[in-house]
C-alpha atoms as a PDB file:
ATOM      1  CA  UNK A   1       8.631  53.438 137.840  1.00  0.00           C
ATOM      2  CA  UNK A   2       6.521  56.466 137.652  1.00  0.00           C
ATOM      3  CA  UNK A   3       8.202  59.696 136.712  1.00  0.00           C
ATOM      4  CA  UNK A   4       8.775  62.111 139.635  1.00  0.00           C
ATOM      5  CA  UNK A   5       6.254  64.922 139.461  1.00  0.00           C
ATOM      6  CA  UNK A   6       8.800  67.457 140.612  1.00  0.00           C
ATOM      7  CA  UNK A   7      11.442  66.601 138.119  1.00  0.00           C
ATOM      8  CA  UNK A   8      13.064  69.805 136.593  1.00  0.00           C
ATOM      9  CA  UNK A   9      12.718  69.736 132.841  1.00  0.00           C
ATOM     10  CA  UNK A  10      15.735  70.499 130.570  1.00  0.00           C
ATOM     11  CA  UNK A  11      15.919  74.063 129.586  1.00  0.00           C
ATOM     12  CA  UNK A  12      17.688  76.180 126.897  1.00  0.00           C
ATOM     13  CA  UNK A  13      20.827  77.654 128.630  1.00  0.00           C
ATOM     14  CA  UNK A  14      19.779  81.081 127.293  1.00  0.00           C
ATOM     15  CA  UNK A  15      16.310  81.022 128.782  1.00  0.00           C
ATOM     16  CA  UNK A  16      15.453  82.342 132.213  1.00  0.00           C
ATOM     17  CA  UNK A  17      13.319  80.166 134.639  1.00  0.00           C
ATOM     18  CA  UNK A  18      10.874  81.554 136.966  1.00  0.00           C
ATOM     19  CA  UNK A  19      13.178  81.029 139.930  1.00  0.00           C
ATOM     20  CA  UNK A  20      16.135  82.815 138.182  1.00  0.00           C
ATOM     21  CA  UNK A  21      16.984  86.434 138.663  1.00  0.00           C
ATOM     22  CA  UNK A  22      15.082  88.554 136.098  1.00  0.00           C
ATOM     23  CA  UNK A  23      17.162  89.737 133.168  1.00  0.00           C
ATOM     24  CA  UNK A  24      16.362  93.388 133.825  1.00  0.00           C
ATOM     25  CA  UNK A  25      17.760  93.010 137.338  1.00  0.00           C
ATOM     26  CA  UNK A  26      20.866  91.186 136.171  1.00  0.00           C
ATOM     27  CA  UNK A  27      21.465  93.907 133.514  1.00  0.00           C
ATOM     28  CA  UNK A  28      21.134  96.634 136.132  1.00  0.00           C
ATOM     29  CA  UNK A  29      23.652  94.937 138.427  1.00  0.00           C
ATOM     30  CA  UNK A  30      26.156  94.136 135.711  1.00  0.00           C
ATOM     31  CA  UNK A  31      26.008  97.757 134.392  1.00  0.00           C
ATOM     32  CA  UNK A  32      27.633  98.863 137.760  1.00  0.00           C
ATOM     33  CA  UNK A  33      30.553  96.485 137.576  1.00  0.00           C
ATOM     34  CA  UNK A  34      34.112  97.373 136.532  1.00  0.00           C
ATOM     35  CA  UNK A  35      35.122  96.519 133.032  1.00  0.00           C
ATOM     36  CA  UNK A  36      37.517  93.696 134.137  1.00  0.00           C
ATOM     37  CA  UNK A  37      34.596  92.066 136.098  1.00  0.00           C
ATOM     38  CA  UNK A  38      32.386  92.136 132.942  1.00  0.00           C
ATOM     39  CA  UNK A  39      35.068  90.046 131.126  1.00  0.00           C
ATOM     40  CA  UNK A  40      35.033  87.424 133.963  1.00  0.00           C
ATOM     41  CA  UNK A  41      31.331  87.351 134.207  1.00  0.00           C
ATOM     42  CA  UNK A  42      31.158  86.421 130.454  1.00  0.00           C
ATOM     43  CA  UNK A  43      32.951  83.165 131.347  1.00  0.00           C
ATOM     44  CA  UNK A  44      30.600  82.066 134.115  1.00  0.00           C
ATOM     45  CA  UNK A  45      27.816  80.599 132.072  1.00  0.00           C
ATOM     46  CA  UNK A  46      26.255  80.680 128.600  1.00  0.00           C
ATOM     47  CA  UNK A  47      23.268  82.567 130.093  1.00  0.00           C
ATOM     48  CA  UNK A  48      25.531  85.327 131.531  1.00  0.00           C
ATOM     49  CA  UNK A  49      27.518  85.453 128.312  1.00  0.00           C
ATOM     50  CA  UNK A  50      24.353  85.961 126.285  1.00  0.00           C
ATOM     51  CA  UNK A  51      23.193  88.746 128.559  1.00  0.00           C
ATOM     52  CA  UNK A  52      26.447  90.536 128.529  1.00  0.00           C
ATOM     53  CA  UNK A  53      26.535  90.621 124.784  1.00  0.00           C
ATOM     54  CA  UNK A  54      22.934  91.863 124.402  1.00  0.00           C
ATOM     55  CA  UNK A  55      22.668  95.328 122.759  1.00  0.00           C
ATOM     56  CA  UNK A  56      20.423  96.702 125.495  1.00  0.00           C
ATOM     57  CA  UNK A  57      23.200  95.820 128.134  1.00  0.00           C
ATOM     58  CA  UNK A  58      26.176  97.287 126.199  1.00  0.00           C
ATOM     59  CA  UNK A  59      24.228 100.429 125.473  1.00  0.00           C
ATOM     60  CA  UNK A  60      23.174 100.796 129.108  1.00  0.00           C
ATOM     61  CA  UNK A  61      26.829 100.120 130.305  1.00  0.00           C
ATOM     62  CA  UNK A  62      28.014 102.916 127.899  1.00  0.00           C
ATOM     63  CA  UNK A  63      25.345 105.326 129.087  1.00  0.00           C
ATOM     64  CA  UNK A  64      26.246 104.593 132.809  1.00  0.00           C
ATOM     65  CA  UNK A  65      30.020 104.944 132.003  1.00  0.00           C
ATOM     66  CA  UNK A  66      29.339 108.386 130.475  1.00  0.00           C
ATOM     67  CA  UNK A  67      28.497 109.658 134.058  1.00  0.00           C
ATOM     68  CA  UNK A  68      31.999 108.771 135.167  1.00  0.00           C
ATOM     69  CA  UNK A  69      34.315 109.776 132.310  1.00  0.00           C
ATOM     70  CA  UNK A  70      38.100 109.152 132.380  1.00  0.00           C
ATOM     71  CA  UNK A  71      41.310 110.862 131.294  1.00  0.00           C
ATOM     72  CA  UNK A  72      42.858 108.581 128.657  1.00  0.00           C
ATOM     73  CA  UNK A  73      46.593 108.571 128.006  1.00  0.00           C
ATOM     74  CA  UNK A  74      48.408 107.180 124.843  1.00  0.00           C
ATOM     75  CA  UNK A  75      52.140 106.680 124.832  1.00  0.00           C
ATOM     76  CA  UNK A  76      54.583 105.338 122.363  1.00  0.00           C
ATOM     77  CA  UNK A  77      56.497 102.561 124.158  1.00  0.00           C
ATOM     78  CA  UNK A  78      58.773 100.119 122.289  1.00  0.00           C
ATOM     79  CA  UNK A  79      56.951 100.684 118.953  1.00  0.00           C
ATOM     80  CA  UNK A  80      53.530 100.186 120.526  1.00  0.00           C
ATOM     81  CA  UNK A  81      50.584 102.335 121.536  1.00  0.00           C
ATOM     82  CA  UNK A  82      50.043 102.019 125.282  1.00  0.00           C
ATOM     83  CA  UNK A  83      46.807 103.204 126.810  1.00  0.00           C
ATOM     84  CA  UNK A  84      46.278 104.168 130.434  1.00  0.00           C
ATOM     85  CA  UNK A  85      43.400 105.962 132.177  1.00  0.00           C
ATOM     86  CA  UNK A  86      42.603 107.812 135.380  1.00  0.00           C
ATOM     87  CA  UNK A  87      39.334 109.104 136.836  1.00  0.00           C
ATOM     88  CA  UNK A  88      38.456 112.480 135.426  1.00  0.00           C
ATOM     89  CA  UNK A  89      36.424 113.663 138.470  1.00  0.00           C
ATOM     90  CA  UNK A  90      39.615 113.485 140.562  1.00  0.00           C
ATOM     91  CA  UNK A  91      41.624 116.051 138.557  1.00  0.00           C
ATOM     92  CA  UNK A  92      41.464 118.428 141.538  1.00  0.00           C
ATOM     93  CA  UNK A  93      43.441 115.832 143.573  1.00  0.00           C
ATOM     94  CA  UNK A  94      47.146 116.381 143.983  1.00  0.00           C
ATOM     95  CA  UNK A  95      47.964 112.882 142.581  1.00  0.00           C
ATOM     96  CA  UNK A  96      46.268 110.732 139.942  1.00  0.00           C
ATOM     97  CA  UNK A  97      47.145 107.037 139.602  1.00  0.00           C
ATOM     98  CA  UNK A  98      46.634 105.772 136.053  1.00  0.00           C
ATOM     99  CA  UNK A  99      45.480 102.330 135.335  1.00  0.00           C
ATOM    100  CA  UNK A 100      47.044 100.348 132.457  1.00  0.00           C
ATOM    101  CA  UNK A 101      44.439  99.381 129.704  1.00  0.00           C
ATOM    102  CA  UNK A 102      46.032  97.803 126.694  1.00  0.00           C
ATOM    103  CA  UNK A 103      48.693  98.157 124.027  1.00  0.00           C
ATOM    104  CA  UNK A 104      48.817  97.317 120.316  1.00  0.00           C
ATOM    105  CA  UNK A 105      51.471  97.443 117.621  1.00  0.00           C
ATOM    106  CA  UNK A 106      51.146  99.989 114.830  1.00  0.00           C
ATOM    107  CA  UNK A 107      52.810 100.837 111.650  1.00  0.00           C
ATOM    108  CA  UNK A 108      53.649 104.320 112.760  1.00  0.00           C
ATOM    109  CA  UNK A 109      52.989 104.810 116.465  1.00  0.00           C
ATOM    110  CA  UNK A 110      54.127 108.452 116.226  1.00  0.00           C
ATOM    111  CA  UNK A 111      50.935 109.185 114.310  1.00  0.00           C
ATOM    112  CA  UNK A 112      49.019 108.626 117.480  1.00  0.00           C
ATOM    113  CA  UNK A 113      45.316 107.928 117.771  1.00  0.00           C
ATOM    114  CA  UNK A 114      42.093 109.851 117.359  1.00  0.00           C
ATOM    115  CA  UNK A 115      39.949 111.297 120.179  1.00  0.00           C
ATOM    116  CA  UNK A 116      38.067 108.649 121.945  1.00  0.00           C
ATOM    117  CA  UNK A 117      34.531 108.151 120.542  1.00  0.00           C
ATOM    118  CA  UNK A 118      32.084 106.211 122.651  1.00  0.00           C
ATOM    119  CA  UNK A 119      34.935 104.230 124.191  1.00  0.00           C
ATOM    120  CA  UNK A 120      36.771 103.430 120.899  1.00  0.00           C
ATOM    121  CA  UNK A 121      39.804 104.951 119.310  1.00  0.00           C
ATOM    122  CA  UNK A 122      41.233 104.846 115.777  1.00  0.00           C
ATOM    123  CA  UNK A 123      44.907 104.918 114.877  1.00  0.00           C
ATOM    124  CA  UNK A 124      45.905 107.757 112.631  1.00  0.00           C
ATOM    125  CA  UNK A 125      48.438 105.808 110.432  1.00  0.00           C
ATOM    126  CA  UNK A 126      48.021 104.962 106.813  1.00  0.00           C
ATOM    127  CA  UNK A 127      46.190 101.739 107.542  1.00  0.00           C
ATOM    128  CA  UNK A 128      43.995 102.482 110.562  1.00  0.00           C
ATOM    129  CA  UNK A 129      42.962 100.082 113.305  1.00  0.00           C
ATOM    130  CA  UNK A 130      39.961 100.553 115.607  1.00  0.00           C
ATOM    131  CA  UNK A 131      40.657  99.611 119.216  1.00  0.00           C
ATOM    132  CA  UNK A 132      38.348  99.271 122.335  1.00  0.00           C
ATOM    133  CA  UNK A 133      40.621 100.080 125.240  1.00  0.00           C
ATOM    134  CA  UNK A 134      38.175  98.517 127.683  1.00  0.00           C
ATOM    135  CA  UNK A 135      38.086  95.013 126.213  1.00  0.00           C
ATOM    136  CA  UNK A 136      41.654  95.155 124.661  1.00  0.00           C
ATOM    137  CA  UNK A 137      40.324  94.270 121.159  1.00  0.00           C
ATOM    138  CA  UNK A 138      41.364  95.644 117.861  1.00  0.00           C
ATOM    139  CA  UNK A 139      40.271  95.311 114.198  1.00  0.00           C
ATOM    140  CA  UNK A 140      42.430  96.604 111.254  1.00  0.00           C
ATOM    141  CA  UNK A 141      40.565  98.266 108.518  1.00  0.00           C
ATOM    142  CA  UNK A 142      40.920  97.177 104.870  1.00  0.00           C
ATOM    143  CA  UNK A 143      44.005  98.742 103.148  1.00  0.00           C
ATOM    144  CA  UNK A 144      43.392 101.159 100.501  1.00  0.00           C
ATOM    145  CA  UNK A 145      46.041 101.914  97.787  1.00  0.00           C
ATOM    146  CA  UNK A 146      47.258 105.454  97.632  1.00  0.00           C
ATOM    147  CA  UNK A 147      47.822 106.976  94.195  1.00  0.00           C
ATOM    148  CA  UNK A 148      51.307 108.145  93.351  1.00  0.00           C
ATOM    149  CA  UNK A 149      51.871 111.596  94.807  1.00  0.00           C
ATOM    150  CA  UNK A 150      48.899 111.100  97.145  1.00  0.00           C
ATOM    151  CA  UNK A 151      50.693 112.944  99.908  1.00  0.00           C
ATOM    152  CA  UNK A 152      49.764 112.819 103.565  1.00  0.00           C
ATOM    153  CA  UNK A 153      46.905 110.564 104.708  1.00  0.00           C
ATOM    154  CA  UNK A 154      44.484 111.990 107.325  1.00  0.00           C
ATOM    155  CA  UNK A 155      42.177 109.898 109.269  1.00  0.00           C
ATOM    156  CA  UNK A 156      39.017 111.084 111.202  1.00  0.00           C
ATOM    157  CA  UNK A 157      36.941 108.827 113.385  1.00  0.00           C
ATOM    158  CA  UNK A 158      33.464 109.690 114.313  1.00  0.00           C
ATOM    159  CA  UNK A 159      29.922 108.487 115.453  1.00  0.00           C
ATOM    160  CA  UNK A 160      26.512 108.969 114.048  1.00  0.00           C
ATOM    161  CA  UNK A 161      24.196 108.987 117.156  1.00  0.00           C
ATOM    162  CA  UNK A 162      20.819 108.601 115.430  1.00  0.00           C
ATOM    163  CA  UNK A 163      21.665 105.186 113.744  1.00  0.00           C
ATOM    164  CA  UNK A 164      24.387 104.436 116.232  1.00  0.00           C
ATOM    165  CA  UNK A 165      27.034 103.959 113.630  1.00  0.00           C
ATOM    166  CA  UNK A 166      30.820 104.399 113.712  1.00  0.00           C
ATOM    167  CA  UNK A 167      32.396 105.960 110.604  1.00  0.00           C
ATOM    168  CA  UNK A 168      35.990 106.576 109.473  1.00  0.00           C
ATOM    169  CA  UNK A 169      36.710 109.503 107.011  1.00  0.00           C
ATOM    170  CA  UNK A 170      39.975 109.033 105.245  1.00  0.00           C
ATOM    171  CA  UNK A 171      41.577 111.682 102.975  1.00  0.00           C
ATOM    172  CA  UNK A 172      44.643 111.996 100.797  1.00  0.00           C
ATOM    173  CA  UNK A 173      45.171 114.981  98.550  1.00  0.00           C
ATOM    174  CA  UNK A 174      41.959 115.200  96.641  1.00  0.00           C
ATOM    175  CA  UNK A 175      40.692 111.778  97.463  1.00  0.00           C
ATOM    176  CA  UNK A 176      37.898 111.398 100.237  1.00  0.00           C
ATOM    177  CA  UNK A 177      36.693 108.134 101.421  1.00  0.00           C
ATOM    178  CA  UNK A 178      34.367 106.925 104.220  1.00  0.00           C
ATOM    179  CA  UNK A 179      33.762 103.533 105.791  1.00  0.00           C
ATOM    180  CA  UNK A 180      30.868 102.562 108.021  1.00  0.00           C
ATOM    181  CA  UNK A 181      31.335 100.082 110.797  1.00  0.00           C
ATOM    182  CA  UNK A 182      28.697  97.589 111.980  1.00  0.00           C
ATOM    183  CA  UNK A 183      27.036  97.191 108.544  1.00  0.00           C
ATOM    184  CA  UNK A 184      28.514  93.881 107.379  1.00  0.00           C
ATOM    185  CA  UNK A 185      31.575  93.799 105.094  1.00  0.00           C
ATOM    186  CA  UNK A 186      33.978  96.656 105.545  1.00  0.00           C
ATOM    187  CA  UNK A 187      34.644  98.720 102.450  1.00  0.00           C
ATOM    188  CA  UNK A 188      35.703 102.251 101.475  1.00  0.00           C
ATOM    189  CA  UNK A 189      33.208 104.572  99.643  1.00  0.00           C
ATOM    190  CA  UNK A 190      34.141 107.675  97.691  1.00  0.00           C
ATOM    191  CA  UNK A 191      32.633 110.901  98.862  1.00  0.00           C
ATOM    192  CA  UNK A 192      32.781 114.312  97.090  1.00  0.00           C
ATOM    193  CA  UNK A 193      34.188 117.499  98.357  1.00  0.00           C
ATOM    194  CA  UNK A 194      33.338 120.745  96.636  1.00  0.00           C
ATOM    195  CA  UNK A 195      36.545 122.376  97.965  1.00  0.00           C
ATOM    196  CA  UNK A 196      39.921 120.748  97.692  1.00  0.00           C
ATOM    197  CA  UNK A 197      41.769 121.144 100.966  1.00  0.00           C
ATOM    198  CA  UNK A 198      44.657 119.954 103.147  1.00  0.00           C
ATOM    199  CA  UNK A 199      44.136 119.210 106.804  1.00  0.00           C
ATOM    200  CA  UNK A 200      45.817 121.324 109.486  1.00  0.00           C
ATOM    201  CA  UNK A 201      44.472 119.542 112.694  1.00  0.00           C
ATOM    202  CA  UNK A 202      43.112 116.421 114.110  1.00  0.00           C
ATOM    203  CA  UNK A 203      39.339 116.200 114.224  1.00  0.00           C
ATOM    204  CA  UNK A 204      36.685 116.236 116.902  1.00  0.00           C
ATOM    205  CA  UNK A 205      33.245 114.627 116.521  1.00  0.00           C
ATOM    206  CA  UNK A 206      30.375 116.426 118.203  1.00  0.00           C
ATOM    207  CA  UNK A 207      26.769 115.273 117.892  1.00  0.00           C
ATOM    208  CA  UNK A 208      27.359 113.400 114.651  1.00  0.00           C
ATOM    209  CA  UNK A 209      29.486 116.177 112.952  1.00  0.00           C
ATOM    210  CA  UNK A 210      33.213 115.879 112.348  1.00  0.00           C
ATOM    211  CA  UNK A 211      35.175 119.183 112.646  1.00  0.00           C
ATOM    212  CA  UNK A 212      38.835 119.954 111.585  1.00  0.00           C
ATOM    213  CA  UNK A 213      40.830 122.927 110.441  1.00  0.00           C
ATOM    214  CA  UNK A 214      42.098 122.976 106.917  1.00  0.00           C
ATOM    215  CA  UNK A 215      43.578 125.169 104.115  1.00  0.00           C
ATOM    216  CA  UNK A 216      42.223 125.550 100.724  1.00  0.00           C
ATOM    217  CA  UNK A 217      44.369 124.119  97.927  1.00  0.00           C
ATOM    218  CA  UNK A 218      44.078 127.365  95.905  1.00  0.00           C
ATOM    219  CA  UNK A 219      46.840 129.864  96.259  1.00  0.00           C
ATOM    220  CA  UNK A 220      44.670 132.650  94.890  1.00  0.00           C
ATOM    221  CA  UNK A 221      42.236 132.393  97.721  1.00  0.00           C
ATOM    222  CA  UNK A 222      42.257 135.444 100.020  1.00  0.00           C
ATOM    223  CA  UNK A 223      40.918 133.503 103.009  1.00  0.00           C
ATOM    224  CA  UNK A 224      42.590 130.083 102.810  1.00  0.00           C
ATOM    225  CA  UNK A 225      41.958 128.897 106.419  1.00  0.00           C
ATOM    226  CA  UNK A 226      38.720 127.287 107.066  1.00  0.00           C
ATOM    227  CA  UNK A 227      36.745 125.039 109.533  1.00  0.00           C
ATOM    228  CA  UNK A 228      35.620 121.809 107.737  1.00  0.00           C
ATOM    229  CA  UNK A 229      32.434 120.167 109.002  1.00  0.00           C
ATOM    230  CA  UNK A 230      31.621 116.683 107.704  1.00  0.00           C
ATOM    231  CA  UNK A 231      28.094 115.438 108.434  1.00  0.00           C
ATOM    232  CA  UNK A 232      28.531 111.835 109.425  1.00  0.00           C
ATOM    233  CA  UNK A 233      24.911 111.050 108.568  1.00  0.00           C
ATOM    234  CA  UNK A 234      24.597 112.679 105.219  1.00  0.00           C
ATOM    235  CA  UNK A 235      28.316 112.265 104.378  1.00  0.00           C
ATOM    236  CA  UNK A 236      28.547 115.783 103.034  1.00  0.00           C
ATOM    237  CA  UNK A 237      31.085 118.633 103.658  1.00  0.00           C
ATOM    238  CA  UNK A 238      30.443 122.231 104.551  1.00  0.00           C
ATOM    239  CA  UNK A 239      33.037 124.853 105.034  1.00  0.00           C
ATOM    240  CA  UNK A 240      33.393 128.039 107.132  1.00  0.00           C
ATOM    241  CA  UNK A 241      36.019 130.649 106.691  1.00  0.00           C
ATOM    242  CA  UNK A 242      37.929 131.431 109.913  1.00  0.00           C
ATOM    243  CA  UNK A 243      40.650 133.752 111.139  1.00  0.00           C
ATOM    244  CA  UNK A 244      44.140 132.704 109.878  1.00  0.00           C
ATOM    245  CA  UNK A 245      45.465 132.770 113.421  1.00  0.00           C
ATOM    246  CA  UNK A 246      43.407 129.622 114.119  1.00  0.00           C
ATOM    247  CA  UNK A 247      45.411 127.297 111.910  1.00  0.00           C
ATOM    248  CA  UNK A 248      47.434 126.071 114.891  1.00  0.00           C
ATOM    249  CA  UNK A 249      44.489 125.813 117.223  1.00  0.00           C
ATOM    250  CA  UNK A 250      43.183 122.816 119.137  1.00  0.00           C
ATOM    251  CA  UNK A 251      39.374 122.120 118.702  1.00  0.00           C
ATOM    252  CA  UNK A 252      37.573 121.166 121.946  1.00  0.00           C
ATOM    253  CA  UNK A 253      33.913 120.774 122.852  1.00  0.00           C
ATOM    254  CA  UNK A 254      32.943 123.758 125.136  1.00  0.00           C
ATOM    255  CA  UNK A 255      29.203 122.654 125.194  1.00  0.00           C
ATOM    256  CA  UNK A 256      28.090 125.918 123.513  1.00  0.00           C
ATOM    257  CA  UNK A 257      24.730 126.301 121.849  1.00  0.00           C
ATOM    258  CA  UNK A 258      25.180 124.851 118.469  1.00  0.00           C
ATOM    259  CA  UNK A 259      21.845 126.227 117.149  1.00  0.00           C
ATOM    260  CA  UNK A 260      23.218 129.836 117.412  1.00  0.00           C
ATOM    261  CA  UNK A 261      25.722 129.312 114.613  1.00  0.00           C
ATOM    262  CA  UNK A 262      27.597 132.485 115.608  1.00  0.00           C
ATOM    263  CA  UNK A 263      31.174 132.931 116.577  1.00  0.00           C
ATOM    264  CA  UNK A 264      31.949 134.205 120.101  1.00  0.00           C
ATOM    265  CA  UNK A 265      35.304 135.320 121.360  1.00  0.00           C
ATOM    266  CA  UNK A 266      36.550 135.017 125.028  1.00  0.00           C
ATOM    267  CA  UNK A 267      40.013 136.059 126.052  1.00  0.00           C
ATOM    268  CA  UNK A 268      41.332 134.572 129.322  1.00  0.00           C
ATOM    269  CA  UNK A 269      44.372 135.865 131.118  1.00  0.00           C
ATOM    270  CA  UNK A 270      46.052 133.246 133.120  1.00  0.00           C
ATOM    271  CA  UNK A 271      47.037 134.168 136.768  1.00  0.00           C
ATOM    272  CA  UNK A 272      50.770 134.676 137.597  1.00  0.00           C
ATOM    273  CA  UNK A 273      50.922 131.360 139.453  1.00  0.00           C
ATOM    274  CA  UNK A 274      50.618 129.583 136.047  1.00  0.00           C
ATOM    275  CA  UNK A 275      54.338 129.871 135.440  1.00  0.00           C
ATOM    276  CA  UNK A 276      55.177 128.280 138.827  1.00  0.00           C
ATOM    277  CA  UNK A 277      53.001 125.337 138.084  1.00  0.00           C
ATOM    278  CA  UNK A 278      54.201 124.470 134.614  1.00  0.00           C
ATOM    279  CA  UNK A 279      57.874 125.101 135.261  1.00  0.00           C
ATOM    280  CA  UNK A 280      59.994 124.379 132.315  1.00  0.00           C
ATOM    281  CA  UNK A 281      57.076 123.056 130.245  1.00  0.00           C
ATOM    282  CA  UNK A 282      56.382 126.343 128.431  1.00  0.00           C
ATOM    283  CA  UNK A 283      54.309 124.654 125.761  1.00  0.00           C
ATOM    284  CA  UNK A 284      51.212 122.932 126.968  1.00  0.00           C
ATOM    285  CA  UNK A 285      48.525 121.321 124.929  1.00  0.00           C
ATOM    286  CA  UNK A 286      44.915 122.103 125.480  1.00  0.00           C
ATOM    287  CA  UNK A 287      43.203 118.724 126.000  1.00  0.00           C
ATOM    288  CA  UNK A 288      39.629 119.647 126.760  1.00  0.00           C
ATOM    289  CA  UNK A 289      37.172 121.324 129.077  1.00  0.00           C
ATOM    290  CA  UNK A 290      35.437 119.692 132.041  1.00  0.00           C
ATOM    291  CA  UNK A 291      31.907 120.044 132.987  1.00  0.00           C
ATOM    292  CA  UNK A 292      32.907 122.212 135.912  1.00  0.00           C
ATOM    293  CA  UNK A 293      34.367 124.817 133.570  1.00  0.00           C
ATOM    294  CA  UNK A 294      37.988 123.833 133.810  1.00  0.00           C
ATOM    295  CA  UNK A 295      40.237 124.113 130.742  1.00  0.00           C
ATOM    296  CA  UNK A 296      42.635 121.242 130.988  1.00  0.00           C
ATOM    297  CA  UNK A 297      46.249 121.354 129.760  1.00  0.00           C
ATOM    298  CA  UNK A 298      48.870 118.597 129.553  1.00  0.00           C
ATOM    299  CA  UNK A 299      52.571 118.503 128.345  1.00  0.00           C
ATOM    300  CA  UNK A 300      53.154 116.940 124.931  1.00  0.00           C
ATOM    301  CA  UNK A 301      56.084 114.872 126.186  1.00  0.00           C
ATOM    302  CA  UNK A 302      56.957 112.690 129.215  1.00  0.00           C
ATOM    303  CA  UNK A 303      60.583 113.043 130.532  1.00  0.00           C
ATOM    304  CA  UNK A 304      62.210 112.043 133.685  1.00  0.00           C
ATOM    305  CA  UNK A 305      60.105 114.599 135.741  1.00  0.00           C
ATOM    306  CA  UNK A 306      56.656 113.454 136.951  1.00  0.00           C
ATOM    307  CA  UNK A 307      53.972 113.882 134.310  1.00  0.00           C
ATOM    308  CA  UNK A 308      51.229 116.293 135.205  1.00  0.00           C
ATOM    309  CA  UNK A 309      48.056 118.023 134.171  1.00  0.00           C
ATOM    310  CA  UNK A 310      47.129 121.683 134.856  1.00  0.00           C
ATOM    311  CA  UNK A 311      43.531 123.043 134.928  1.00  0.00           C
ATOM    312  CA  UNK A 312      42.259 126.577 134.669  1.00  0.00           C
ATOM    313  CA  UNK A 313      38.782 127.539 135.914  1.00  0.00           C
ATOM    314  CA  UNK A 314      37.433 130.128 133.577  1.00  0.00           C
ATOM    315  CA  UNK A 315      34.880 131.377 136.230  1.00  0.00           C
ATOM    316  CA  UNK A 316      37.023 131.623 139.297  1.00  0.00           C
ATOM    317  CA  UNK A 317      40.294 132.530 137.356  1.00  0.00           C
ATOM    318  CA  UNK A 318      42.190 129.896 139.299  1.00  0.00           C
ATOM    319  CA  UNK A 319      44.671 127.279 138.368  1.00  0.00           C
ATOM    320  CA  UNK A 320      45.531 123.908 139.812  1.00  0.00           C
ATOM    321  CA  UNK A 321      47.922 121.034 139.192  1.00  0.00           C
ATOM    322  CA  UNK A 322      47.745 117.216 139.494  1.00  0.00           C
ATOM    323  CA  UNK A 323      50.608 114.781 139.133  1.00  0.00           C
ATOM    324  CA  UNK A 324      49.719 111.709 137.021  1.00  0.00           C
ATOM    325  CA  UNK A 325      51.570 108.497 137.885  1.00  0.00           C
ATOM    326  CA  UNK A 326      51.744 106.681 134.575  1.00  0.00           C
ATOM    327  CA  UNK A 327      54.094 104.026 135.784  1.00  0.00           C
ATOM    328  CA  UNK A 328      56.235 104.449 132.660  1.00  0.00           C
ATOM    329  CA  UNK A 329      60.058 105.320 133.084  1.00  0.00           C
ATOM    330  CA  UNK A 330      62.025 107.257 130.602  1.00  0.00           C
ATOM    331  CA  UNK A 331      65.437 105.508 130.468  1.00  0.00           C
ATOM    332  CA  UNK A 332      67.530 108.326 129.052  1.00  0.00           C
ATOM    333  CA  UNK A 333      67.600 111.716 130.514  1.00  0.00           C
ATOM    334  CA  UNK A 334      67.642 113.227 127.000  1.00  0.00           C
ATOM    335  CA  UNK A 335      64.666 111.081 125.728  1.00  0.00           C
ATOM    336  CA  UNK A 336      61.269 112.544 125.267  1.00  0.00           C
ATOM    337  CA  UNK A 337      58.261 110.181 125.184  1.00  0.00           C
ATOM    338  CA  UNK A 338      55.229 111.656 123.328  1.00  0.00           C
ATOM    339  CA  UNK A 339      51.948 111.563 125.328  1.00  0.00           C
ATOM    340  CA  UNK A 340      48.553 112.094 124.013  1.00  0.00           C
ATOM    341  CA  UNK A 341      45.992 113.132 126.707  1.00  0.00           C
ATOM    342  CA  UNK A 342      42.324 112.949 126.078  1.00  0.00           C
ATOM    343  CA  UNK A 343      39.254 113.844 128.185  1.00  0.00           C
ATOM    344  CA  UNK A 344      35.756 112.418 128.461  1.00  0.00           C
ATOM    345  CA  UNK A 345      36.809 108.892 127.561  1.00  0.00           C
ATOM    346  CA  UNK A 346      34.125 106.307 128.502  1.00  0.00           C
ATOM    347  CA  UNK A 347      34.133 102.535 128.899  1.00  0.00           C
ATOM    348  CA  UNK A 348      32.469 100.394 126.290  1.00  0.00           C
ATOM    349  CA  UNK A 349      32.111  96.588 126.713  1.00  0.00           C
ATOM    350  CA  UNK A 350      30.776  96.024 123.264  1.00  0.00           C
ATOM    351  CA  UNK A 351      32.812  93.312 121.518  1.00  0.00           C
ATOM    352  CA  UNK A 352      34.487  94.337 118.302  1.00  0.00           C
ATOM    353  CA  UNK A 353      32.820  91.508 116.320  1.00  0.00           C
ATOM    354  CA  UNK A 354      29.754  93.731 116.024  1.00  0.00           C
ATOM    355  CA  UNK A 355      31.604  96.347 113.919  1.00  0.00           C
ATOM    356  CA  UNK A 356      31.968  93.919 110.993  1.00  0.00           C
ATOM    357  CA  UNK A 357      34.967  92.222 109.400  1.00  0.00           C
ATOM    358  CA  UNK A 358      37.200  92.755 106.362  1.00  0.00           C
END
C-alpha cells in the first residue's frame, strides 16, 4: 500500500507547525490573562507549558502587570502569613474587595515581610523565605549560623534591574552578607561595610539601590542617624547623614529626580476632615504614594471595625477613604491583628525554580 501523500508527520510537541497560532500572538494573548488562568493554561499541553515558561513571556507578563499595580496586604493568621490583594487604581472607590492570594508558615510571622519586589516578597525572620504571591510558591534560603551575641537579624530584599537579578542582604551586628538568586546554588557571601551600624527601618529598593535608616554604632558620633544606601550591583555601601527626627520615618518612593542628589522638604497640613475619616485610629502608617499624587495611609492593626485606607492628595489638599473587605474576622473584641499594607505590587508568573536551589 502506498503511503498517503497528505499524511501529517510526527512533530516535536514543543515545535510550532505552519497551521498553528504563531508564538508571538500566543504570548500576546497569554499576557492579558489573569494569573489563575495562566496556571490552568500550563496544564493544557506541553507546547503551552513551554511557552508560558519562556523568559520572554514571563518578562512581558511582568511588564504588562506593572501597568495595573495592586495593593498587597499581609496578615498574621494562625501562625501563618496570609496575602490578599486589591486593585490599586480603585482606591478612590468607597469599597475595595480583596482577593486571597496565598499563605505560608513562617518561624516568626510577627516579623512580617519585605516590600514586594517585582512580584516577590521576602520574609524578614532569621531564616528568610522568598515567596511569589501570584503562583503560591516559596523557597527557603539556606540557613546561616549567627555568632553568639549577634543580636537582631535584619533582612533586605532587592532587585538589580540591569542583570535582572534578585538579591538578599542580611545583617546581624557587624556581619553583612548577600545572596544572589538565579545564579545556581544559593550561598551567602560576606560584604564589607566601612561604618558599623544598626538598622532602624525596613528597606526600600529603588532602581537597584536598597535604602534604609540606621544608627552608627559609635556613641561618640555627633550625627548618629544616617540613610544607608546599598548598591545591589556593586554590593557596596554608602552613607548619608540625616536629621535625627527621621529615625522613625517610613521610606517611600515619591518618584523624585534621583540625579539631583539634594534634599528637599515639603510640609503638608492635613485638612480638618482627616480626624473624621480615621476615627479612633490615631496612628496611621504611610504605605506609599500613587502615580496620581496621593499619599496612602493604612492602620497597623485590624480589629472588629472594617479595615480601610485613607489617601491624601498633595496637590488638591483633599482626603478620601476606602473600606477594604479582607474577609478576615477578628474573634476577640480585644484582639489586634497586625496588617502590612503595600503599594505597587505586580503579578509575576515566573516559577520559583529559576531562582536556584539550596
